[in-house]
Amino acid sequence: LSIDHCLQLLCEFLDQKLLQLKNDIRSLN
């Protein structure tokens, strides 16, 4: 697999989860 592509995807998922943390801790838990 492309390591750089995995990095770019991971950055997107991290931002999504950070937004969830800010908006909906219950669903994160």
PDB file of all heavy atoms in Angstrom:
ATOM      1  N   LEU A   1       0.834  -1.191   0.000  1.00  0.00           N
ATOM      2  CA  LEU A   1       0.000   0.000   0.000  1.00  0.00           C
ATOM      3  C   LEU A   1       0.873   1.247   0.000  1.00  0.00           C
ATOM      4  O   LEU A   1       2.036   1.210   0.417  1.00  0.00           O
ATOM      5  CB  LEU A   1      -0.918   0.020   1.226  1.00  0.00           C
ATOM      6  CG  LEU A   1      -2.004  -1.043   1.282  1.00  0.00           C
ATOM      7  CD1 LEU A   1      -1.519  -2.268   2.042  1.00  0.00           C
ATOM      8  CD2 LEU A   1      -3.260  -0.494   1.936  1.00  0.00           C
ATOM      9  N   SER A   2       0.304   2.364  -0.415  1.00  0.00           N
ATOM     10  CA  SER A   2       0.998   3.642  -0.372  1.00  0.00           C
ATOM     11  C   SER A   2       0.973   4.180   1.055  1.00  0.00           C
ATOM     12  O   SER A   2      -0.107   4.435   1.611  1.00  0.00           O
ATOM     13  CB  SER A   2       0.327   4.654  -1.305  1.00  0.00           C
ATOM     14  OG  SER A   2       0.755   5.968  -1.008  1.00  0.00           O
ATOM     15  N   ILE A   3       2.153   4.343   1.634  1.00  0.00           N
ATOM     16  CA  ILE A   3       2.231   4.856   3.005  1.00  0.00           C
ATOM     17  C   ILE A   3       1.725   6.294   3.058  1.00  0.00           C
ATOM     18  O   ILE A   3       1.018   6.689   3.998  1.00  0.00           O
ATOM     19  CB  ILE A   3       3.679   4.757   3.528  1.00  0.00           C
ATOM     20  CG1 ILE A   3       4.085   3.283   3.625  1.00  0.00           C
ATOM     21  CG2 ILE A   3       3.817   5.431   4.892  1.00  0.00           C
ATOM     22  CD1 ILE A   3       5.535   3.063   3.970  1.00  0.00           C
ATOM     23  N   ASP A   4       2.046   7.081   2.044  1.00  0.00           N
ATOM     24  CA  ASP A   4       1.598   8.477   2.037  1.00  0.00           C
ATOM     25  C   ASP A   4       0.083   8.568   1.938  1.00  0.00           C
ATOM     26  O   ASP A   4      -0.541   9.416   2.590  1.00  0.00           O
ATOM     27  CB  ASP A   4       2.242   9.242   0.882  1.00  0.00           C
ATOM     28  CG  ASP A   4       1.972  10.736   0.969  1.00  0.00           C
ATOM     29  OD1 ASP A   4       2.463  11.363   1.930  1.00  0.00           O
ATOM     30  OD2 ASP A   4       1.261  11.278   0.095  1.00  0.00           O
ATOM     31  N   HIS A   5      -0.519   7.674   1.156  1.00  0.00           N
ATOM     32  CA  HIS A   5      -1.988   7.666   1.060  1.00  0.00           C
ATOM     33  C   HIS A   5      -2.605   7.297   2.409  1.00  0.00           C
ATOM     34  O   HIS A   5      -3.609   7.900   2.824  1.00  0.00           O
ATOM     35  CB  HIS A   5      -2.440   6.677  -0.011  1.00  0.00           C
ATOM     36  CG  HIS A   5      -3.925   6.609  -0.193  1.00  0.00           C
ATOM     37  ND1 HIS A   5      -4.694   7.690  -0.581  1.00  0.00           N
ATOM     38  CD2 HIS A   5      -4.803   5.578  -0.012  1.00  0.00           C
ATOM     39  CE1 HIS A   5      -5.961   7.333  -0.640  1.00  0.00           C
ATOM     40  NE2 HIS A   5      -6.051   6.064  -0.308  1.00  0.00           N
ATOM     41  N   CYS A   6      -2.004   6.329   3.099  1.00  0.00           N
ATOM     42  CA  CYS A   6      -2.491   5.965   4.434  1.00  0.00           C
ATOM     43  C   CYS A   6      -2.380   7.139   5.392  1.00  0.00           C
ATOM     44  O   CYS A   6      -3.276   7.376   6.213  1.00  0.00           O
ATOM     45  CB  CYS A   6      -1.700   4.771   4.972  1.00  0.00           C
ATOM     46  SG  CYS A   6      -2.025   3.208   4.119  1.00  0.00           S
ATOM     47  N   LEU A   7      -1.293   7.899   5.288  1.00  0.00           N
ATOM     48  CA  LEU A   7      -1.115   9.078   6.136  1.00  0.00           C
ATOM     49  C   LEU A   7      -2.197  10.113   5.865  1.00  0.00           C
ATOM     50  O   LEU A   7      -2.793  10.667   6.802  1.00  0.00           O
ATOM     51  CB  LEU A   7       0.274   9.680   5.894  1.00  0.00           C
ATOM     52  CG  LEU A   7       0.547  11.049   6.529  1.00  0.00           C
ATOM     53  CD1 LEU A   7       0.399  10.995   8.038  1.00  0.00           C
ATOM     54  CD2 LEU A   7       1.942  11.545   6.147  1.00  0.00           C
ATOM     55  N   GLN A   8      -2.466  10.389   4.604  1.00  0.00           N
ATOM     56  CA  GLN A   8      -3.485  11.381   4.266  1.00  0.00           C
ATOM     57  C   GLN A   8      -4.866  10.949   4.764  1.00  0.00           C
ATOM     58  O   GLN A   8      -5.632  11.757   5.308  1.00  0.00           O
ATOM     59  CB  GLN A   8      -3.505  11.613   2.748  1.00  0.00           C
ATOM     60  CG  GLN A   8      -2.233  12.195   2.179  1.00  0.00           C
ATOM     61  CD  GLN A   8      -1.918  13.591   2.682  1.00  0.00           C
ATOM     62  OE1 GLN A   8      -2.809  14.331   3.119  1.00  0.00           O
ATOM     63  NE2 GLN A   8      -0.648  13.970   2.641  1.00  0.00           N
ATOM     64  N   LEU A   9      -5.180   9.670   4.592  1.00  0.00           N
ATOM     65  CA  LEU A   9      -6.459   9.166   5.093  1.00  0.00           C
ATOM     66  C   LEU A   9      -6.536   9.269   6.613  1.00  0.00           C
ATOM     67  O   LEU A   9      -7.574   9.667   7.166  1.00  0.00           O
ATOM     68  CB  LEU A   9      -6.650   7.705   4.672  1.00  0.00           C
ATOM     69  CG  LEU A   9      -7.034   7.422   3.227  1.00  0.00           C
ATOM     70  CD1 LEU A   9      -7.096   5.910   2.996  1.00  0.00           C
ATOM     71  CD2 LEU A   9      -8.374   8.061   2.890  1.00  0.00           C
ATOM     72  N   LEU A  10      -5.445   8.913   7.290  1.00  0.00           N
ATOM     73  CA  LEU A  10      -5.439   8.969   8.745  1.00  0.00           C
ATOM     74  C   LEU A  10      -5.656  10.392   9.237  1.00  0.00           C
ATOM     75  O   LEU A  10      -6.395  10.603  10.213  1.00  0.00           O
ATOM     76  CB  LEU A  10      -4.127   8.410   9.290  1.00  0.00           C
ATOM     77  CG  LEU A  10      -3.984   8.425  10.816  1.00  0.00           C
ATOM     78  CD1 LEU A  10      -5.112   7.645  11.491  1.00  0.00           C
ATOM     79  CD2 LEU A  10      -2.633   7.859  11.234  1.00  0.00           C
ATOM     80  N   CYS A  11      -5.060  11.358   8.591  1.00  0.00           N
ATOM     81  CA  CYS A  11      -5.266  12.761   8.978  1.00  0.00           C
ATOM     82  C   CYS A  11      -6.746  13.133   8.897  1.00  0.00           C
ATOM     83  O   CYS A  11      -7.272  13.831   9.772  1.00  0.00           O
ATOM     84  CB  CYS A  11      -4.432  13.686   8.088  1.00  0.00           C
ATOM     85  SG  CYS A  11      -2.649  13.615   8.401  1.00  0.00           S
ATOM     86  N   GLU A  12      -7.425  12.639   7.875  1.00  0.00           N
ATOM     87  CA  GLU A  12      -8.856  12.910   7.738  1.00  0.00           C
ATOM     88  C   GLU A  12      -9.648  12.256   8.859  1.00  0.00           C
ATOM     89  O   GLU A  12     -10.548  12.888   9.452  1.00  0.00           O
ATOM     90  CB  GLU A  12      -9.348  12.407   6.378  1.00  0.00           C
ATOM     91  CG  GLU A  12      -8.761  13.146   5.189  1.00  0.00           C
ATOM     92  CD  GLU A  12      -9.223  12.567   3.860  1.00  0.00           C
ATOM     93  OE1 GLU A  12     -10.183  11.754   3.859  1.00  0.00           O
ATOM     94  OE2 GLU A  12      -8.621  12.915   2.824  1.00  0.00           O
ATOM     95  N   PHE A  13      -9.332  11.005   9.180  1.00  0.00           N
ATOM     96  CA  PHE A  13     -10.051  10.313  10.249  1.00  0.00           C
ATOM     97  C   PHE A  13      -9.770  10.960  11.612  1.00  0.00           C
ATOM     98  O   PHE A  13     -10.666  11.040  12.461  1.00  0.00           O
ATOM     99  CB  PHE A  13      -9.675   8.835  10.272  1.00  0.00           C
ATOM    100  CG  PHE A  13     -10.311   8.025   9.177  1.00  0.00           C
ATOM    101  CD1 PHE A  13      -9.531   7.341   8.256  1.00  0.00           C
ATOM    102  CD2 PHE A  13     -11.692   7.945   9.066  1.00  0.00           C
ATOM    103  CE1 PHE A  13     -10.119   6.594   7.248  1.00  0.00           C
ATOM    104  CE2 PHE A  13     -12.291   7.201   8.058  1.00  0.00           C
ATOM    105  CZ  PHE A  13     -11.495   6.527   7.140  1.00  0.00           C
ATOM    106  N   LEU A  14      -8.556  11.417  11.830  1.00  0.00           N
ATOM    107  CA  LEU A  14      -8.228  12.099  13.081  1.00  0.00           C
ATOM    108  C   LEU A  14      -9.043  13.373  13.230  1.00  0.00           C
ATOM    109  O   LEU A  14      -9.570  13.661  14.315  1.00  0.00           O
ATOM    110  CB  LEU A  14      -6.731  12.407  13.139  1.00  0.00           C
ATOM    111  CG  LEU A  14      -5.816  11.212  13.445  1.00  0.00           C
ATOM    112  CD1 LEU A  14      -4.380  11.529  13.057  1.00  0.00           C
ATOM    113  CD2 LEU A  14      -5.896  10.836  14.921  1.00  0.00           C
ATOM    114  N   ASP A  15      -9.183  14.135  12.157  1.00  0.00           N
ATOM    115  CA  ASP A  15      -9.984  15.349  12.218  1.00  0.00           C
ATOM    116  C   ASP A  15     -11.453  15.036  12.479  1.00  0.00           C
ATOM    117  O   ASP A  15     -12.139  15.746  13.228  1.00  0.00           O
ATOM    118  CB  ASP A  15      -9.852  16.146  10.921  1.00  0.00           C
ATOM    119  CG  ASP A  15      -8.638  17.064  10.927  1.00  0.00           C
ATOM    120  OD1 ASP A  15      -7.962  17.154  11.971  1.00  0.00           O
ATOM    121  OD2 ASP A  15      -8.364  17.706   9.889  1.00  0.00           O
ATOM    122  N   GLN A  16     -11.950  13.964  11.857  1.00  0.00           N
ATOM    123  CA  GLN A  16     -13.341  13.575  12.084  1.00  0.00           C
ATOM    124  C   GLN A  16     -13.584  13.229  13.551  1.00  0.00           C
ATOM    125  O   GLN A  16     -14.602  13.634  14.141  1.00  0.00           O
ATOM    126  CB  GLN A  16     -13.701  12.385  11.195  1.00  0.00           C
ATOM    127  CG  GLN A  16     -13.786  12.706   9.717  1.00  0.00           C
ATOM    128  CD  GLN A  16     -13.977  11.465   8.870  1.00  0.00           C
ATOM    129  OE1 GLN A  16     -14.341  10.391   9.366  1.00  0.00           O
ATOM    130  NE2 GLN A  16     -13.737  11.581   7.559  1.00  0.00           N
ATOM    131  N   LYS A  17     -12.664  12.474  14.145  1.00  0.00           N
ATOM    132  CA  LYS A  17     -12.832  12.079  15.541  1.00  0.00           C
ATOM    133  C   LYS A  17     -12.617  13.265  16.482  1.00  0.00           C
ATOM    134  O   LYS A  17     -13.261  13.343  17.550  1.00  0.00           O
ATOM    135  CB  LYS A  17     -11.875  10.937  15.882  1.00  0.00           C
ATOM    136  CG  LYS A  17     -12.285   9.601  15.290  1.00  0.00           C
ATOM    137  CD  LYS A  17     -13.666   9.183  15.799  1.00  0.00           C
ATOM    138  CE  LYS A  17     -14.181   7.951  15.104  1.00  0.00           C
ATOM    139  NZ  LYS A  17     -15.565   7.613  15.544  1.00  0.00           N
ATOM    140  N   LEU A  18     -11.741  14.175  16.127  1.00  0.00           N
ATOM    141  CA  LEU A  18     -11.559  15.377  16.938  1.00  0.00           C
ATOM    142  C   LEU A  18     -12.841  16.210  16.938  1.00  0.00           C
ATOM    143  O   LEU A  18     -13.249  16.746  17.982  1.00  0.00           O
ATOM    144  CB  LEU A  18     -10.395  16.203  16.387  1.00  0.00           C
ATOM    145  CG  LEU A  18      -9.990  17.426  17.204  1.00  0.00           C
ATOM    146  CD1 LEU A  18      -9.524  17.040  18.603  1.00  0.00           C
ATOM    147  CD2 LEU A  18      -8.888  18.214  16.482  1.00  0.00           C
ATOM    148  N   LEU A  19     -13.507  16.297  15.806  1.00  0.00           N
ATOM    149  CA  LEU A  19     -14.785  17.008  15.727  1.00  0.00           C
ATOM    150  C   LEU A  19     -15.843  16.294  16.564  1.00  0.00           C
ATOM    151  O   LEU A  19     -16.645  16.952  17.257  1.00  0.00           O
ATOM    152  CB  LEU A  19     -15.238  17.096  14.265  1.00  0.00           C
ATOM    153  CG  LEU A  19     -16.506  17.904  13.991  1.00  0.00           C
ATOM    154  CD1 LEU A  19     -16.300  19.371  14.375  1.00  0.00           C
ATOM    155  CD2 LEU A  19     -16.893  17.798  12.513  1.00  0.00           C
ATOM    156  N   GLN A  20     -15.852  14.970  16.539  1.00  0.00           N
ATOM    157  CA  GLN A  20     -16.787  14.212  17.371  1.00  0.00           C
ATOM    158  C   GLN A  20     -16.530  14.486  18.851  1.00  0.00           C
ATOM    159  O   GLN A  20     -17.473  14.616  19.641  1.00  0.00           O
ATOM    160  CB  GLN A  20     -16.666  12.724  17.070  1.00  0.00           C
ATOM    161  CG  GLN A  20     -17.678  11.862  17.817  1.00  0.00           C
ATOM    162  CD  GLN A  20     -17.519  10.381  17.508  1.00  0.00           C
ATOM    163  OE1 GLN A  20     -16.557   9.965  16.850  1.00  0.00           O
ATOM    164  NE2 GLN A  20     -18.456   9.571  17.965  1.00  0.00           N
ATOM    165  N   LEU A  21     -15.263  14.565  19.228  1.00  0.00           N
ATOM    166  CA  LEU A  21     -14.908  14.878  20.618  1.00  0.00           C
ATOM    167  C   LEU A  21     -15.483  16.218  21.045  1.00  0.00           C
ATOM    168  O   LEU A  21     -15.989  16.366  22.164  1.00  0.00           O
ATOM    169  CB  LEU A  21     -13.389  14.879  20.773  1.00  0.00           C
ATOM    170  CG  LEU A  21     -12.819  15.398  22.103  1.00  0.00           C
ATOM    171  CD1 LEU A  21     -13.288  14.538  23.269  1.00  0.00           C
ATOM    172  CD2 LEU A  21     -11.297  15.453  22.049  1.00  0.00           C
ATOM    173  N   LYS A  22     -15.429  17.183  20.174  1.00  0.00           N
ATOM    174  CA  LYS A  22     -15.908  18.525  20.497  1.00  0.00           C
ATOM    175  C   LYS A  22     -17.437  18.588  20.566  1.00  0.00           C
ATOM    176  O   LYS A  22     -17.987  19.375  21.334  1.00  0.00           O
ATOM    177  CB  LYS A  22     -15.396  19.531  19.466  1.00  0.00           C
ATOM    178  CG  LYS A  22     -13.894  19.752  19.510  1.00  0.00           C
ATOM    179  CD  LYS A  22     -13.435  20.721  18.421  1.00  0.00           C
ATOM    180  CE  LYS A  22     -11.936  20.972  18.488  1.00  0.00           C
ATOM    181  NZ  LYS A  22     -11.475  21.892  17.419  1.00  0.00           N
ATOM    182  N   ASN A  23     -18.099  17.724  19.778  1.00  0.00           N
ATOM    183  CA  ASN A  23     -19.549  17.854  19.630  1.00  0.00           C
ATOM    184  C   ASN A  23     -20.376  16.779  20.317  1.00  0.00           C
ATOM    185  O   ASN A  23     -21.543  17.008  20.636  1.00  0.00           O
ATOM    186  CB  ASN A  23     -19.920  17.864  18.142  1.00  0.00           C
ATOM    187  CG  ASN A  23     -19.387  19.078  17.415  1.00  0.00           C
ATOM    188  OD1 ASN A  23     -19.208  20.133  18.017  1.00  0.00           O
ATOM    189  ND2 ASN A  23     -19.125  18.942  16.127  1.00  0.00           N
ATOM    190  N   ASP A  24     -19.797  15.585  20.537  1.00  0.00           N
ATOM    191  CA  ASP A  24     -20.618  14.475  21.025  1.00  0.00           C
ATOM    192  C   ASP A  24     -19.762  13.448  21.766  1.00  0.00           C
ATOM    193  O   ASP A  24     -19.466  12.372  21.241  1.00  0.00           O
ATOM    194  CB  ASP A  24     -21.341  13.815  19.845  1.00  0.00           C
ATOM    195  CG  ASP A  24     -22.442  12.863  20.288  1.00  0.00           C
ATOM    196  OD1 ASP A  24     -22.583  12.637  21.513  1.00  0.00           O
ATOM    197  OD2 ASP A  24     -23.154  12.329  19.410  1.00  0.00           O
ATOM    198  N   ILE A  25     -19.376  13.771  22.978  1.00  0.00           N
ATOM    199  CA  ILE A  25     -18.521  12.883  23.765  1.00  0.00           C
ATOM    200  C   ILE A  25     -19.214  11.550  24.044  1.00  0.00           C
ATOM    201  O   ILE A  25     -18.580  10.499  24.058  1.00  0.00           O
ATOM    202  CB  ILE A  25     -18.088  13.566  25.082  1.00  0.00           C
ATOM    203  CG1 ILE A  25     -17.121  14.708  24.786  1.00  0.00           C
ATOM    204  CG2 ILE A  25     -17.437  12.570  26.038  1.00  0.00           C
ATOM    205  CD1 ILE A  25     -16.701  15.499  26.011  1.00  0.00           C
ATOM    206  N   ARG A  26     -20.521  11.593  24.246  1.00  0.00           N
ATOM    207  CA  ARG A  26     -21.244  10.358  24.559  1.00  0.00           C
ATOM    208  C   ARG A  26     -21.084   9.334  23.443  1.00  0.00           C
ATOM    209  O   ARG A  26     -20.798   8.154  23.696  1.00  0.00           O
ATOM    210  CB  ARG A  26     -22.724  10.646  24.797  1.00  0.00           C
ATOM    211  CG  ARG A  26     -23.542   9.395  25.082  1.00  0.00           C
ATOM    212  CD  ARG A  26     -24.987   9.733  25.407  1.00  0.00           C
ATOM    213  NE  ARG A  26     -25.096  10.459  26.676  1.00  0.00           N
ATOM    214  CZ  ARG A  26     -26.251  10.845  27.204  1.00  0.00           C
ATOM    215  NH1 ARG A  26     -27.386  10.572  26.568  1.00  0.00           N
ATOM    216  NH2 ARG A  26     -26.277  11.491  28.350  1.00  0.00           N
ATOM    217  N   SER A  27     -21.256   9.747  22.191  1.00  0.00           N
ATOM    218  CA  SER A  27     -21.119   8.803  21.083  1.00  0.00           C
ATOM    219  C   SER A  27     -19.671   8.346  20.926  1.00  0.00           C
ATOM    220  O   SER A  27     -19.414   7.212  20.526  1.00  0.00           O
ATOM    221  CB  SER A  27     -21.618   9.428  19.770  1.00  0.00           C
ATOM    222  OG  SER A  27     -20.750  10.451  19.316  1.00  0.00           O
ATOM    223  N   LEU A  28     -18.720   9.216  21.246  1.00  0.00           N
ATOM    224  CA  LEU A  28     -17.304   8.834  21.206  1.00  0.00           C
ATOM    225  C   LEU A  28     -17.034   7.715  22.205  1.00  0.00           C
ATOM    226  O   LEU A  28     -16.364   6.724  21.883  1.00  0.00           O
ATOM    227  CB  LEU A  28     -16.424  10.040  21.510  1.00  0.00           C
ATOM    228  CG  LEU A  28     -14.919   9.804  21.432  1.00  0.00           C
ATOM    229  CD1 LEU A  28     -14.447   9.777  19.984  1.00  0.00           C
ATOM    230  CD2 LEU A  28     -14.159  10.868  22.216  1.00  0.00           C
ATOM    231  N   ASN A  29     -17.571   7.856  23.424  1.00  0.00           N
ATOM    232  CA  ASN A  29     -17.398   6.817  24.446  1.00  0.00           C
ATOM    233  C   ASN A  29     -18.033   5.502  24.010  1.00  0.00           C
ATOM    234  O   ASN A  29     -17.464   4.422  24.229  1.00  0.00           O
ATOM    235  CB  ASN A  29     -18.013   7.279  25.767  1.00  0.00           C
ATOM    236  CG  ASN A  29     -17.227   8.404  26.415  1.00  0.00           C
ATOM    237  OD1 ASN A  29     -16.015   8.530  26.215  1.00  0.00           O
ATOM    238  ND2 ASN A  29     -17.900   9.230  27.202  1.00  0.00           N
TER     239      ASN A  29
END
